[in-house]
Each structure stands twice: as C-alpha cells, then as structure tokens.
C-alpha cells in the first residue's frame, strides 16, 4: 500500500511540475514584447528622421543650394533611413506576430508564419538598403575611388544573402529535395 501511495504522490508531483513548467515556458514568450516595441519605436524614429531629411532635401533643392548630384545623395540618404526604419518595423511586427499574436492585422505581404518568413522579408529589405547605399556612393563625386570596392562588396553581399536564402529557405529546401 505504501508503494502505491508513494507512486501516486510522485505522479502528482510530476504532473504538477509539468503543468508549472508549461505555464512558465508559455509566459516566457511575452519577453519578446520589449524587443518588438523597441524595434517599432526605432523604426518610427528612423522613418521620421528620414522623412524630415527628405523634406529638407526638397527645400534645399528648390532653393538651388544643391546641384543634381548633391540632391541625389541627400535623397538617397533620407531613403536609406526610411528603409532601415522599414527593416526595424518588419522585425518588430514579425517578432510580435510570431510570439504573441498571430492574428495581428497586417497586410498579407507582411504576414509572418515562421522564422523563415521573417528572414526572407529582412533579406529583401537589406538588399534594397545595399542598393541605395551603393547608388549613393556611385553618384557621390567625392567618393569616386570607392565605387569599385563598394560595387564588388555589395555584389558579394547580395550573392551571399541570396545563397543563404536559397539554402535555408522553404523553397530552397523543397528544391534541394527534388535534386
């Protein structure tokens, strides 16, 4: 009888421990709220600064303080800040959607179902930022000597991101399985 009583107590303790651990682990997903909010706040800040820089670039261009090349550099710098803000926004939304609420109201193209979705969205925005930075260097007459180095570096980085996305992504895995 003592054996059955002891076994029953152990099962009760084991079940209670499992229940507590499930609840505790379930609650740890809310730790992502702070990084998601920080990412969204950073995104809003960069988007506001980029938009302000764009308005200043337009005003300066209209007042003829800048030539065409200088205007292009100023506009691309503003776009770069806005795109980086977009990256942070995608990260914030993606983290929140993955860990907290999968039913968040976002456009279909921003839906994140798993980490591969978030990764592919980030790679797309990072490639756009690389392109903007490269074009900024390309049109900046003060950095003409850097164009080749930036071009090769940008190309290598984009190729590496594409290879990484192919090798680790859903479609990449499906394609490799067919081979």
Foldseek 3Di string as FASTA:
>chain_A
DVVVVVVVVVVVVVVVVVVVVVVVVLVVLCVLLVLLVVLLVQLVVLLVVLVVLLVVLVVCVVVVVDDPLVSLLSNLVSVLSNLSSVLSNLVSVQSCCDRPNVPDDDDPLSRHDDVLSSLVVNLVSVLVSLVSVLVSLVSPPVNVVCNVVSVVVSVVVNVVSVVVNLCPHPVNVVVVVVD
